[in-house]
């Protein structure tokens, strides 16, 4: 089965990690560093997007709701419907903080900040 944009519903995580991510203006904001999985519901909690650093120094990690990412074949990456300003002001974490408290704190803050309907309700 395919999504509304014609993409398949299943993809290997190894194909997603490292993929570039672009903001609403089409500017590259970074790449997908990891994917946080909800083991109890078998869902994707959020994508971990890394941006703002240089060679791993000073990089910030953002939890972006998975439903917010849309793959753009022309760009060869994902596009999020957020502006530079929204992304700069978004909650940022260390990798350890993203997984802390079972990832729920970062997940909840992300879905609230980006005003995305929670998948777990």
PDB file of N, CA and C in Angstrom:
ATOM      1  N   UNK A   1       0.841  -1.178   0.000  1.00  0.00           N
ATOM      2  CA  UNK A   1       0.000   0.000   0.000  1.00  0.00           C
ATOM      3  C   UNK A   1       0.887   1.242   0.000  1.00  0.00           C
ATOM      4  N   UNK A   2       0.435   2.304  -0.650  1.00  0.00           N
ATOM      5  CA  UNK A   2       1.229   3.523  -0.725  1.00  0.00           C
ATOM      6  C   UNK A   2       0.585   4.659   0.072  1.00  0.00           C
ATOM      7  N   UNK A   3       1.400   5.670   0.378  1.00  0.00           N
ATOM      8  CA  UNK A   3       0.911   6.852   1.096  1.00  0.00           C
ATOM      9  C   UNK A   3       0.236   7.794   0.103  1.00  0.00           C
ATOM     10  N   UNK A   4      -0.305   8.916   0.612  1.00  0.00           N
ATOM     11  CA  UNK A   4      -0.971   9.896  -0.245  1.00  0.00           C
ATOM     12  C   UNK A   4      -0.036  10.462  -1.298  1.00  0.00           C
ATOM     13  N   UNK A   5       1.247  10.551  -0.987  1.00  0.00           N
ATOM     14  CA  UNK A   5       2.202  11.107  -1.951  1.00  0.00           C
ATOM     15  C   UNK A   5       2.786  10.033  -2.862  1.00  0.00           C
ATOM     16  N   UNK A   6       2.291   8.799  -2.742  1.00  0.00           N
ATOM     17  CA  UNK A   6       2.721   7.737  -3.634  1.00  0.00           C
ATOM     18  C   UNK A   6       3.889   6.913  -3.151  1.00  0.00           C
ATOM     19  N   UNK A   7       4.341   7.147  -1.937  1.00  0.00           N
ATOM     20  CA  UNK A   7       5.458   6.381  -1.390  1.00  0.00           C
ATOM     21  C   UNK A   7       4.946   5.144  -0.676  1.00  0.00           C
ATOM     22  N   UNK A   8       5.788   4.139  -0.579  1.00  0.00           N
ATOM     23  CA  UNK A   8       5.387   2.935   0.138  1.00  0.00           C
ATOM     24  C   UNK A   8       5.303   3.218   1.632  1.00  0.00           C
ATOM     25  N   UNK A   9       4.559   2.418   2.348  1.00  0.00           N
ATOM     26  CA  UNK A   9       4.392   2.605   3.783  1.00  0.00           C
ATOM     27  C   UNK A   9       5.574   2.069   4.576  1.00  0.00           C
ATOM     28  N   UNK A  10       6.335   1.166   4.005  1.00  0.00           N
ATOM     29  CA  UNK A  10       7.442   0.549   4.740  1.00  0.00           C
ATOM     30  C   UNK A  10       8.777   0.987   4.155  1.00  0.00           C
ATOM     31  N   UNK A  11       9.736   1.222   5.051  1.00  0.00           N
ATOM     32  CA  UNK A  11      11.091   1.554   4.630  1.00  0.00           C
ATOM     33  C   UNK A  11      12.040   1.106   5.726  1.00  0.00           C
ATOM     34  N   UNK A  12      13.184   0.623   5.344  1.00  0.00           N
ATOM     35  CA  UNK A  12      14.182   0.202   6.330  1.00  0.00           C
ATOM     36  C   UNK A  12      14.793   1.426   6.996  1.00  0.00           C
ATOM     37  N   UNK A  13      14.969   1.357   8.306  1.00  0.00           N
ATOM     38  CA  UNK A  13      15.566   2.472   9.044  1.00  0.00           C
ATOM     39  C   UNK A  13      16.942   2.816   8.496  1.00  0.00           C
ATOM     40  N   UNK A  14      17.678   1.819   8.053  1.00  0.00           N
ATOM     41  CA  UNK A  14      19.018   2.060   7.518  1.00  0.00           C
ATOM     42  C   UNK A  14      18.991   2.945   6.270  1.00  0.00           C
ATOM     43  N   UNK A  15      17.875   2.969   5.561  1.00  0.00           N
ATOM     44  CA  UNK A  15      17.749   3.838   4.387  1.00  0.00           C
ATOM     45  C   UNK A  15      17.380   5.251   4.785  1.00  0.00           C
ATOM     46  N   UNK A  16      16.779   5.426   5.944  1.00  0.00           N
ATOM     47  CA  UNK A  16      16.334   6.735   6.405  1.00  0.00           C
ATOM     48  C   UNK A  16      17.461   7.491   7.104  1.00  0.00           C
ATOM     49  N   UNK A  17      18.219   6.787   7.945  1.00  0.00           N
ATOM     50  CA  UNK A  17      19.293   7.420   8.708  1.00  0.00           C
ATOM     51  C   UNK A  17      20.346   7.961   7.738  1.00  0.00           C
ATOM     52  N   UNK A  18      20.687   9.229   7.935  1.00  0.00           N
ATOM     53  CA  UNK A  18      21.648   9.895   7.072  1.00  0.00           C
ATOM     54  C   UNK A  18      21.013  10.703   5.954  1.00  0.00           C
ATOM     55  N   UNK A  19      19.706  10.558   5.768  1.00  0.00           N
ATOM     56  CA  UNK A  19      19.016  11.280   4.709  1.00  0.00           C
ATOM     57  C   UNK A  19      18.905  12.757   5.074  1.00  0.00           C
ATOM     58  N   UNK A  20      19.114  13.621   4.108  1.00  0.00           N
ATOM     59  CA  UNK A  20      19.029  15.069   4.325  1.00  0.00           C
ATOM     60  C   UNK A  20      17.593  15.481   4.626  1.00  0.00           C
ATOM     61  N   UNK A  21      17.486  16.582   5.392  1.00  0.00           N
ATOM     62  CA  UNK A  21      16.180  17.154   5.728  1.00  0.00           C
ATOM     63  C   UNK A  21      16.212  18.635   5.363  1.00  0.00           C
ATOM     64  N   UNK A  22      15.129  19.106   4.759  1.00  0.00           N
ATOM     65  CA  UNK A  22      15.006  20.484   4.312  1.00  0.00           C
ATOM     66  C   UNK A  22      13.823  21.148   5.017  1.00  0.00           C
ATOM     67  N   UNK A  23      13.929  22.464   5.227  1.00  0.00           N
ATOM     68  CA  UNK A  23      12.821  23.185   5.852  1.00  0.00           C
ATOM     69  C   UNK A  23      11.823  23.626   4.781  1.00  0.00           C
ATOM     70  N   UNK A  24      10.799  24.378   5.193  1.00  0.00           N
ATOM     71  CA  UNK A  24       9.736  24.800   4.291  1.00  0.00           C
ATOM     72  C   UNK A  24      10.249  25.684   3.154  1.00  0.00           C
ATOM     73  N   UNK A  25      11.367  26.391   3.385  1.00  0.00           N
ATOM     74  CA  UNK A  25      11.936  27.255   2.354  1.00  0.00           C
ATOM     75  C   UNK A  25      12.838  26.486   1.383  1.00  0.00           C
ATOM     76  N   UNK A  26      13.063  25.203   1.643  1.00  0.00           N
ATOM     77  CA  UNK A  26      13.901  24.395   0.777  1.00  0.00           C
ATOM     78  C   UNK A  26      15.370  24.392   1.144  1.00  0.00           C
ATOM     79  N   UNK A  27      15.705  24.972   2.304  1.00  0.00           N
ATOM     80  CA  UNK A  27      17.087  25.019   2.776  1.00  0.00           C
ATOM     81  C   UNK A  27      17.404  23.750   3.552  1.00  0.00           C
ATOM     82  N   UNK A  28      18.573  23.189   3.313  1.00  0.00           N
ATOM     83  CA  UNK A  28      18.994  22.009   4.066  1.00  0.00           C
ATOM     84  C   UNK A  28      19.191  22.394   5.528  1.00  0.00           C
ATOM     85  N   UNK A  29      18.581  21.629   6.436  1.00  0.00           N
ATOM     86  CA  UNK A  29      18.725  21.923   7.871  1.00  0.00           C
ATOM     87  C   UNK A  29      19.549  20.869   8.587  1.00  0.00           C
ATOM     88  N   UNK A  30      19.866  19.795   7.922  1.00  0.00           N
ATOM     89  CA  UNK A  30      20.633  18.734   8.562  1.00  0.00           C
ATOM     90  C   UNK A  30      20.230  17.389   8.005  1.00  0.00           C
ATOM     91  N   UNK A  31      20.373  16.368   8.833  1.00  0.00           N
ATOM     92  CA  UNK A  31      20.038  15.024   8.384  1.00  0.00           C
ATOM     93  C   UNK A  31      19.444  14.216   9.523  1.00  0.00           C
ATOM     94  N   UNK A  32      18.824  13.116   9.154  1.00  0.00           N
ATOM     95  CA  UNK A  32      18.241  12.229  10.151  1.00  0.00           C
ATOM     96  C   UNK A  32      19.374  11.433  10.781  1.00  0.00           C
ATOM     97  N   UNK A  33      19.556  11.640  12.075  1.00  0.00           N
ATOM     98  CA  UNK A  33      20.612  10.967  12.826  1.00  0.00           C
ATOM     99  C   UNK A  33      20.139   9.625  13.369  1.00  0.00           C
ATOM    100  N   UNK A  34      18.861   9.558  13.698  1.00  0.00           N
ATOM    101  CA  UNK A  34      18.323   8.336  14.289  1.00  0.00           C
ATOM    102  C   UNK A  34      16.806   8.398  14.249  1.00  0.00           C
ATOM    103  N   UNK A  35      16.194   7.306  14.648  1.00  0.00           N
ATOM    104  CA  UNK A  35      14.745   7.209  14.752  1.00  0.00           C
ATOM    105  C   UNK A  35      14.438   6.594  16.102  1.00  0.00           C
ATOM    106  N   UNK A  36      13.562   7.239  16.852  1.00  0.00           N
ATOM    107  CA  UNK A  36      13.172   6.702  18.155  1.00  0.00           C
ATOM    108  C   UNK A  36      11.887   5.908  17.981  1.00  0.00           C
ATOM    109  N   UNK A  37      11.915   4.667  18.452  1.00  0.00           N
ATOM    110  CA  UNK A  37      10.779   3.762  18.315  1.00  0.00           C
ATOM    111  C   UNK A  37      10.061   3.602  19.634  1.00  0.00           C
ATOM    112  N   UNK A  38       8.746   3.516  19.559  1.00  0.00           N
ATOM    113  CA  UNK A  38       7.929   3.235  20.730  1.00  0.00           C
ATOM    114  C   UNK A  38       7.715   1.724  20.761  1.00  0.00           C
ATOM    115  N   UNK A  39       8.447   1.053  21.632  1.00  0.00           N
ATOM    116  CA  UNK A  39       8.417  -0.411  21.651  1.00  0.00           C
ATOM    117  C   UNK A  39       7.061  -0.970  22.059  1.00  0.00           C
ATOM    118  N   UNK A  40       6.294  -0.220  22.832  1.00  0.00           N
ATOM    119  CA  UNK A  40       5.022  -0.768  23.294  1.00  0.00           C
ATOM    120  C   UNK A  40       3.904  -0.632  22.267  1.00  0.00           C
ATOM    121  N   UNK A  41       3.971   0.376  21.406  1.00  0.00           N
ATOM    122  CA  UNK A  41       2.912   0.539  20.405  1.00  0.00           C
ATOM    123  C   UNK A  41       3.368   0.157  19.003  1.00  0.00           C
ATOM    124  N   UNK A  42       4.660  -0.197  18.872  1.00  0.00           N
ATOM    125  CA  UNK A  42       5.232  -0.541  17.572  1.00  0.00           C
ATOM    126  C   UNK A  42       5.197   0.630  16.589  1.00  0.00           C
ATOM    127  N   UNK A  43       5.219   1.857  17.111  1.00  0.00           N
ATOM    128  CA  UNK A  43       5.199   3.041  16.258  1.00  0.00           C
ATOM    129  C   UNK A  43       6.511   3.795  16.296  1.00  0.00           C
ATOM    130  N   UNK A  44       6.621   4.781  15.421  1.00  0.00           N
ATOM    131  CA  UNK A  44       7.780   5.661  15.400  1.00  0.00           C
ATOM    132  C   UNK A  44       7.444   6.874  16.251  1.00  0.00           C
ATOM    133  N   UNK A  45       8.226   7.096  17.295  1.00  0.00           N
ATOM    134  CA  UNK A  45       7.978   8.239  18.170  1.00  0.00           C
ATOM    135  C   UNK A  45       8.346   9.544  17.471  1.00  0.00           C
ATOM    136  N   UNK A  46       9.577   9.590  16.931  1.00  0.00           N
ATOM    137  CA  UNK A  46      10.021  10.791  16.228  1.00  0.00           C
ATOM    138  C   UNK A  46      11.335  10.501  15.516  1.00  0.00           C
ATOM    139  N   UNK A  47      11.638  11.373  14.568  1.00  0.00           N
ATOM    140  CA  UNK A  47      12.939  11.329  13.899  1.00  0.00           C
ATOM    141  C   UNK A  47      13.873  12.261  14.658  1.00  0.00           C
ATOM    142  N   UNK A  48      15.113  11.872  14.796  1.00  0.00           N
ATOM    143  CA  UNK A  48      16.125  12.707  15.438  1.00  0.00           C
ATOM    144  C   UNK A  48      16.885  13.419  14.330  1.00  0.00           C
ATOM    145  N   UNK A  49      16.723  14.734  14.284  1.00  0.00           N
ATOM    146  CA  UNK A  49      17.373  15.540  13.261  1.00  0.00           C
ATOM    147  C   UNK A  49      18.529  16.287  13.912  1.00  0.00           C
ATOM    148  N   UNK A  50      19.704  16.144  13.350  1.00  0.00           N
ATOM    149  CA  UNK A  50      20.874  16.847  13.860  1.00  0.00           C
ATOM    150  C   UNK A  50      21.209  18.015  12.964  1.00  0.00           C
ATOM    151  N   UNK A  51      21.348  19.205  13.577  1.00  0.00           N
ATOM    152  CA  UNK A  51      21.810  20.350  12.798  1.00  0.00           C
ATOM    153  C   UNK A  51      22.426  21.397  13.711  1.00  0.00           C
ATOM    154  N   UNK A  52      23.188  22.287  13.108  1.00  0.00           N
ATOM    155  CA  UNK A  52      23.770  23.388  13.860  1.00  0.00           C
ATOM    156  C   UNK A  52      25.212  23.190  14.274  1.00  0.00           C
ATOM    157  N   UNK A  53      25.762  22.015  14.066  1.00  0.00           N
ATOM    158  CA  UNK A  53      27.140  21.780  14.497  1.00  0.00           C
ATOM    159  C   UNK A  53      28.090  21.687  13.326  1.00  0.00           C
ATOM    160  N   UNK A  54      29.346  21.501  13.674  1.00  0.00           N
ATOM    161  CA  UNK A  54      30.371  21.316  12.658  1.00  0.00           C
ATOM    162  C   UNK A  54      31.244  20.148  13.092  1.00  0.00           C
ATOM    163  N   UNK A  55      31.266  19.098  12.275  1.00  0.00           N
ATOM    164  CA  UNK A  55      32.024  17.881  12.585  1.00  0.00           C
ATOM    165  C   UNK A  55      31.636  17.299  13.945  1.00  0.00           C
ATOM    166  N   UNK A  56      30.338  17.380  14.252  1.00  0.00           N
ATOM    167  CA  UNK A  56      29.845  16.800  15.504  1.00  0.00           C
ATOM    168  C   UNK A  56      30.008  17.676  16.729  1.00  0.00           C
ATOM    169  N   UNK A  57      30.623  18.845  16.579  1.00  0.00           N
ATOM    170  CA  UNK A  57      30.819  19.738  17.723  1.00  0.00           C
ATOM    171  C   UNK A  57      29.716  20.791  17.722  1.00  0.00           C
ATOM    172  N   UNK A  58      29.035  20.916  18.835  1.00  0.00           N
ATOM    173  CA  UNK A  58      27.991  21.915  18.968  1.00  0.00           C
ATOM    174  C   UNK A  58      26.687  21.558  18.285  1.00  0.00           C
ATOM    175  N   UNK A  59      26.585  20.332  17.819  1.00  0.00           N
ATOM    176  CA  UNK A  59      25.370  19.927  17.125  1.00  0.00           C
ATOM    177  C   UNK A  59      24.222  19.789  18.111  1.00  0.00           C
ATOM    178  N   UNK A  60      23.058  20.240  17.685  1.00  0.00           N
ATOM    179  CA  UNK A  60      21.843  20.103  18.468  1.00  0.00           C
ATOM    180  C   UNK A  60      20.992  19.021  17.814  1.00  0.00           C
ATOM    181  N   UNK A  61      20.222  18.341  18.638  1.00  0.00           N
ATOM    182  CA  UNK A  61      19.350  17.292  18.139  1.00  0.00           C
ATOM    183  C   UNK A  61      17.908  17.670  18.446  1.00  0.00           C
ATOM    184  N   UNK A  62      17.080  17.522  17.433  1.00  0.00           N
ATOM    185  CA  UNK A  62      15.673  17.876  17.559  1.00  0.00           C
ATOM    186  C   UNK A  62      14.803  16.656  17.296  1.00  0.00           C
ATOM    187  N   UNK A  63      13.762  16.525  18.086  1.00  0.00           N
ATOM    188  CA  UNK A  63      12.778  15.472  17.882  1.00  0.00           C
ATOM    189  C   UNK A  63      11.703  16.040  16.955  1.00  0.00           C
ATOM    190  N   UNK A  64      11.595  15.471  15.789  1.00  0.00           N
ATOM    191  CA  UNK A  64      10.608  15.928  14.811  1.00  0.00           C
ATOM    192  C   UNK A  64       9.567  14.826  14.635  1.00  0.00           C
ATOM    193  N   UNK A  65       8.285  15.140  14.831  1.00  0.00           N
ATOM    194  CA  UNK A  65       7.260  14.113  14.644  1.00  0.00           C
ATOM    195  C   UNK A  65       7.379  13.462  13.262  1.00  0.00           C
ATOM    196  N   UNK A  66       7.379  12.145  13.250  1.00  0.00           N
ATOM    197  CA  UNK A  66       7.573  11.407  12.007  1.00  0.00           C
ATOM    198  C   UNK A  66       6.561  11.819  10.945  1.00  0.00           C
ATOM    199  N   UNK A  67       5.327  12.070  11.345  1.00  0.00           N
ATOM    200  CA  UNK A  67       4.283  12.433  10.387  1.00  0.00           C
ATOM    201  C   UNK A  67       4.560  13.768   9.700  1.00  0.00           C
ATOM    202  N   UNK A  68       5.486  14.562  10.225  1.00  0.00           N
ATOM    203  CA  UNK A  68       5.807  15.871   9.647  1.00  0.00           C
ATOM    204  C   UNK A  68       6.787  15.781   8.484  1.00  0.00           C
ATOM    205  N   UNK A  69       7.433  14.642   8.334  1.00  0.00           N
ATOM    206  CA  UNK A  69       8.421  14.491   7.268  1.00  0.00           C
ATOM    207  C   UNK A  69       7.768  13.953   6.008  1.00  0.00           C
ATOM    208  N   UNK A  70       8.071  14.586   4.891  1.00  0.00           N
ATOM    209  CA  UNK A  70       7.551  14.139   3.608  1.00  0.00           C
ATOM    210  C   UNK A  70       8.729  13.998   2.648  1.00  0.00           C
ATOM    211  N   UNK A  71       8.895  12.833   2.073  1.00  0.00           N
ATOM    212  CA  UNK A  71      10.042  12.600   1.189  1.00  0.00           C
ATOM    213  C   UNK A  71       9.833  13.293  -0.146  1.00  0.00           C
ATOM    214  N   UNK A  72      10.844  14.025  -0.585  1.00  0.00           N
ATOM    215  CA  UNK A  72      10.824  14.734  -1.861  1.00  0.00           C
ATOM    216  C   UNK A  72      11.878  14.098  -2.761  1.00  0.00           C
ATOM    217  N   UNK A  73      11.435  13.406  -3.792  1.00  0.00           N
ATOM    218  CA  UNK A  73      12.363  12.698  -4.673  1.00  0.00           C
ATOM    219  C   UNK A  73      13.323  13.649  -5.375  1.00  0.00           C
ATOM    220  N   UNK A  74      12.856  14.836  -5.756  1.00  0.00           N
ATOM    221  CA  UNK A  74      13.721  15.794  -6.446  1.00  0.00           C
ATOM    222  C   UNK A  74      14.886  16.238  -5.562  1.00  0.00           C
ATOM    223  N   UNK A  75      14.627  16.397  -4.269  1.00  0.00           N
ATOM    224  CA  UNK A  75      15.672  16.802  -3.334  1.00  0.00           C
ATOM    225  C   UNK A  75      16.487  15.604  -2.839  1.00  0.00           C
ATOM    226  N   UNK A  76      15.909  14.429  -2.928  1.00  0.00           N
ATOM    227  CA  UNK A  76      16.576  13.248  -2.401  1.00  0.00           C
ATOM    228  C   UNK A  76      16.617  13.273  -0.888  1.00  0.00           C
ATOM    229  N   UNK A  77      15.603  13.916  -0.284  1.00  0.00           N
ATOM    230  CA  UNK A  77      15.549  14.017   1.169  1.00  0.00           C
ATOM    231  C   UNK A  77      14.156  14.351   1.645  1.00  0.00           C
ATOM    232  N   UNK A  78      14.043  14.505   2.948  1.00  0.00           N
ATOM    233  CA  UNK A  78      12.764  14.811   3.571  1.00  0.00           C
ATOM    234  C   UNK A  78      12.576  16.314   3.709  1.00  0.00           C
ATOM    235  N   UNK A  79      11.335  16.762   3.604  1.00  0.00           N
ATOM    236  CA  UNK A  79      10.988  18.169   3.791  1.00  0.00           C
ATOM    237  C   UNK A  79      10.034  18.246   4.974  1.00  0.00           C
ATOM    238  N   UNK A  80      10.295  19.206   5.860  1.00  0.00           N
ATOM    239  CA  UNK A  80       9.392  19.461   6.980  1.00  0.00           C
ATOM    240  C   UNK A  80       8.722  20.809   6.741  1.00  0.00           C
ATOM    241  N   UNK A  81       7.464  20.953   7.154  1.00  0.00           N
ATOM    242  CA  UNK A  81       6.719  22.186   6.874  1.00  0.00           C
ATOM    243  C   UNK A  81       6.986  23.304   7.886  1.00  0.00           C
ATOM    244  N   UNK A  82       8.224  23.428   8.316  1.00  0.00           N
ATOM    245  CA  UNK A  82       8.558  24.397   9.345  1.00  0.00           C
ATOM    246  C   UNK A  82       9.573  25.399   8.812  1.00  0.00           C
ATOM    247  N   UNK A  83       9.488  26.622   9.288  1.00  0.00           N
ATOM    248  CA  UNK A  83      10.416  27.672   8.881  1.00  0.00           C
ATOM    249  C   UNK A  83      11.722  27.554   9.656  1.00  0.00           C
ATOM    250  N   UNK A  84      12.734  28.293   9.185  1.00  0.00           N
ATOM    251  CA  UNK A  84      14.014  28.353   9.897  1.00  0.00           C
ATOM    252  C   UNK A  84      13.807  28.832  11.326  1.00  0.00           C
ATOM    253  N   UNK A  85      12.965  29.846  11.474  1.00  0.00           N
ATOM    254  CA  UNK A  85      12.724  30.418  12.799  1.00  0.00           C
ATOM    255  C   UNK A  85      12.088  29.400  13.743  1.00  0.00           C
ATOM    256  N   UNK A  86      11.124  28.646  13.246  1.00  0.00           N
ATOM    257  CA  UNK A  86      10.485  27.615  14.071  1.00  0.00           C
ATOM    258  C   UNK A  86      11.501  26.567  14.506  1.00  0.00           C
ATOM    259  N   UNK A  87      12.333  26.155  13.586  1.00  0.00           N
ATOM    260  CA  UNK A  87      13.307  25.112  13.890  1.00  0.00           C
ATOM    261  C   UNK A  87      14.371  25.611  14.860  1.00  0.00           C
ATOM    262  N   UNK A  88      14.812  26.862  14.693  1.00  0.00           N
ATOM    263  CA  UNK A  88      15.813  27.417  15.608  1.00  0.00           C
ATOM    264  C   UNK A  88      15.273  27.538  17.022  1.00  0.00           C
ATOM    265  N   UNK A  89      13.985  27.842  17.148  1.00  0.00           N
ATOM    266  CA  UNK A  89      13.373  28.025  18.463  1.00  0.00           C
ATOM    267  C   UNK A  89      12.877  26.718  19.079  1.00  0.00           C
ATOM    268  N   UNK A  90      12.943  25.635  18.329  1.00  0.00           N
ATOM    269  CA  UNK A  90      12.418  24.339  18.798  1.00  0.00           C
ATOM    270  C   UNK A  90      13.258  23.790  19.945  1.00  0.00           C
ATOM    271  N   UNK A  91      12.633  22.964  20.784  1.00  0.00           N
ATOM    272  CA  UNK A  91      13.394  22.312  21.852  1.00  0.00           C
ATOM    273  C   UNK A  91      14.549  21.498  21.268  1.00  0.00           C
ATOM    274  N   UNK A  92      15.719  21.608  21.895  1.00  0.00           N
ATOM    275  CA  UNK A  92      16.908  20.880  21.441  1.00  0.00           C
ATOM    276  C   UNK A  92      17.435  20.037  22.589  1.00  0.00           C
ATOM    277  N   UNK A  93      18.058  18.938  22.244  1.00  0.00           N
ATOM    278  CA  UNK A  93      18.474  17.956  23.245  1.00  0.00           C
ATOM    279  C   UNK A  93      19.832  17.370  22.899  1.00  0.00           C
ATOM    280  N   UNK A  94      20.418  16.717  23.895  1.00  0.00           N
ATOM    281  CA  UNK A  94      21.547  15.840  23.632  1.00  0.00           C
ATOM    282  C   UNK A  94      20.945  14.482  23.257  1.00  0.00           C
ATOM    283  N   UNK A  95      21.752  13.621  22.683  1.00  0.00           N
ATOM    284  CA  UNK A  95      21.258  12.281  22.330  1.00  0.00           C
ATOM    285  C   UNK A  95      20.739  11.570  23.579  1.00  0.00           C
ATOM    286  N   UNK A  96      21.437  11.679  24.695  1.00  0.00           N
ATOM    287  CA  UNK A  96      21.000  11.019  25.929  1.00  0.00           C
ATOM    288  C   UNK A  96      19.666  11.563  26.419  1.00  0.00           C
ATOM    289  N   UNK A  97      19.458  12.864  26.298  1.00  0.00           N
ATOM    290  CA  UNK A  97      18.194  13.455  26.732  1.00  0.00           C
ATOM    291  C   UNK A  97      17.023  12.967  25.884  1.00  0.00           C
ATOM    292  N   UNK A  98      17.269  12.719  24.611  1.00  0.00           N
ATOM    293  CA  UNK A  98      16.198  12.247  23.738  1.00  0.00           C
ATOM    294  C   UNK A  98      15.652  10.894  24.184  1.00  0.00           C
ATOM    295  N   UNK A  99      16.501  10.050  24.720  1.00  0.00           N
ATOM    296  CA  UNK A  99      16.075   8.718  25.148  1.00  0.00           C
ATOM    297  C   UNK A  99      15.658   8.683  26.617  1.00  0.00           C
ATOM    298  N   UNK A 100      15.970   9.745  27.366  1.00  0.00           N
ATOM    299  CA  UNK A 100      15.618   9.776  28.785  1.00  0.00           C
ATOM    300  C   UNK A 100      14.114   9.738  28.992  1.00  0.00           C
ATOM    301  N   UNK A 101      13.692   9.192  30.121  1.00  0.00           N
ATOM    302  CA  UNK A 101      12.260   9.053  30.448  1.00  0.00           C
ATOM    303  C   UNK A 101      11.514   8.343  29.320  1.00  0.00           C
ATOM    304  N   UNK A 102      12.161   7.327  28.769  1.00  0.00           N
ATOM    305  CA  UNK A 102      11.596   6.535  27.673  1.00  0.00           C
ATOM    306  C   UNK A 102      11.277   7.372  26.434  1.00  0.00           C
ATOM    307  N   UNK A 103      11.905   8.529  26.301  1.00  0.00           N
ATOM    308  CA  UNK A 103      11.694   9.383  25.135  1.00  0.00           C
ATOM    309  C   UNK A 103      10.412  10.180  25.165  1.00  0.00           C
ATOM    310  N   UNK A 104       9.592   9.952  26.182  1.00  0.00           N
ATOM    311  CA  UNK A 104       8.286  10.603  26.218  1.00  0.00           C
ATOM    312  C   UNK A 104       8.369  12.111  26.415  1.00  0.00           C
ATOM    313  N   UNK A 105       9.322  12.602  27.187  1.00  0.00           N
ATOM    314  CA  UNK A 105       9.436  14.043  27.412  1.00  0.00           C
ATOM    315  C   UNK A 105       9.757  14.766  26.108  1.00  0.00           C
ATOM    316  N   UNK A 106      10.733  14.252  25.366  1.00  0.00           N
ATOM    317  CA  UNK A 106      11.091  14.864  24.082  1.00  0.00           C
ATOM    318  C   UNK A 106       9.955  14.710  23.081  1.00  0.00           C
ATOM    319  N   UNK A 107       9.336  13.543  23.063  1.00  0.00           N
ATOM    320  CA  UNK A 107       8.209  13.303  22.148  1.00  0.00           C
ATOM    321  C   UNK A 107       7.081  14.285  22.416  1.00  0.00           C
ATOM    322  N   UNK A 108       6.669  14.383  23.684  1.00  0.00           N
ATOM    323  CA  UNK A 108       5.547  15.252  24.035  1.00  0.00           C
ATOM    324  C   UNK A 108       5.849  16.712  23.738  1.00  0.00           C
ATOM    325  N   UNK A 109       7.059  17.161  24.059  1.00  0.00           N
ATOM    326  CA  UNK A 109       7.445  18.549  23.796  1.00  0.00           C
ATOM    327  C   UNK A 109       7.447  18.831  22.295  1.00  0.00           C
ATOM    328  N   UNK A 110       7.909  17.859  21.516  1.00  0.00           N
ATOM    329  CA  UNK A 110       7.973  18.024  20.067  1.00  0.00           C
ATOM    330  C   UNK A 110       6.585  18.125  19.448  1.00  0.00           C
ATOM    331  N   UNK A 111       5.730  17.196  19.786  1.00  0.00           N
ATOM    332  CA  UNK A 111       4.381  17.213  19.221  1.00  0.00           C
ATOM    333  C   UNK A 111       3.621  18.463  19.649  1.00  0.00           C
ATOM    334  N   UNK A 112       3.849  18.917  20.877  1.00  0.00           N
ATOM    335  CA  UNK A 112       3.212  20.136  21.362  1.00  0.00           C
ATOM    336  C   UNK A 112       3.764  21.352  20.618  1.00  0.00           C
ATOM    337  N   UNK A 113       5.069  21.460  20.521  1.00  0.00           N
ATOM    338  CA  UNK A 113       5.706  22.612  19.890  1.00  0.00           C
ATOM    339  C   UNK A 113       5.291  22.746  18.419  1.00  0.00           C
ATOM    340  N   UNK A 114       5.332  21.636  17.691  1.00  0.00           N
ATOM    341  CA  UNK A 114       5.007  21.682  16.263  1.00  0.00           C
ATOM    342  C   UNK A 114       3.508  21.558  15.990  1.00  0.00           C
ATOM    343  N   UNK A 115       2.719  21.406  17.043  1.00  0.00           N
ATOM    344  CA  UNK A 115       1.254  21.306  16.939  1.00  0.00           C
ATOM    345  C   UNK A 115       0.819  20.167  16.006  1.00  0.00           C
ATOM    346  N   UNK A 116       1.434  19.005  16.232  1.00  0.00           N
ATOM    347  CA  UNK A 116       1.100  17.804  15.477  1.00  0.00           C
ATOM    348  C   UNK A 116       0.217  16.931  16.353  1.00  0.00           C
ATOM    349  N   UNK A 117      -0.834  16.393  15.781  1.00  0.00           N
ATOM    350  CA  UNK A 117      -1.746  15.530  16.524  1.00  0.00           C
ATOM    351  C   UNK A 117      -0.995  14.288  17.000  1.00  0.00           C
ATOM    352  N   UNK A 118      -1.009  14.029  18.310  1.00  0.00           N
ATOM    353  CA  UNK A 118      -0.295  12.860  18.842  1.00  0.00           C
ATOM    354  C   UNK A 118      -0.856  11.545  18.286  1.00  0.00           C
ATOM    355  N   UNK A 119       0.020  10.650  17.913  1.00  0.00           N
ATOM    356  CA  UNK A 119      -0.397   9.351  17.382  1.00  0.00           C
ATOM    357  C   UNK A 119      -0.855   8.415  18.486  1.00  0.00           C
ATOM    358  N   UNK A 120      -0.476   8.692  19.723  1.00  0.00           N
ATOM    359  CA  UNK A 120      -0.755   7.769  20.817  1.00  0.00           C
ATOM    360  C   UNK A 120      -2.094   8.023  21.473  1.00  0.00           C
ATOM    361  N   UNK A 121      -2.862   8.966  21.010  1.00  0.00           N
ATOM    362  CA  UNK A 121      -4.201   9.216  21.592  1.00  0.00           C
ATOM    363  C   UNK A 121      -5.267   8.557  20.772  1.00  0.00           C
TER     364      UNK A 121
END
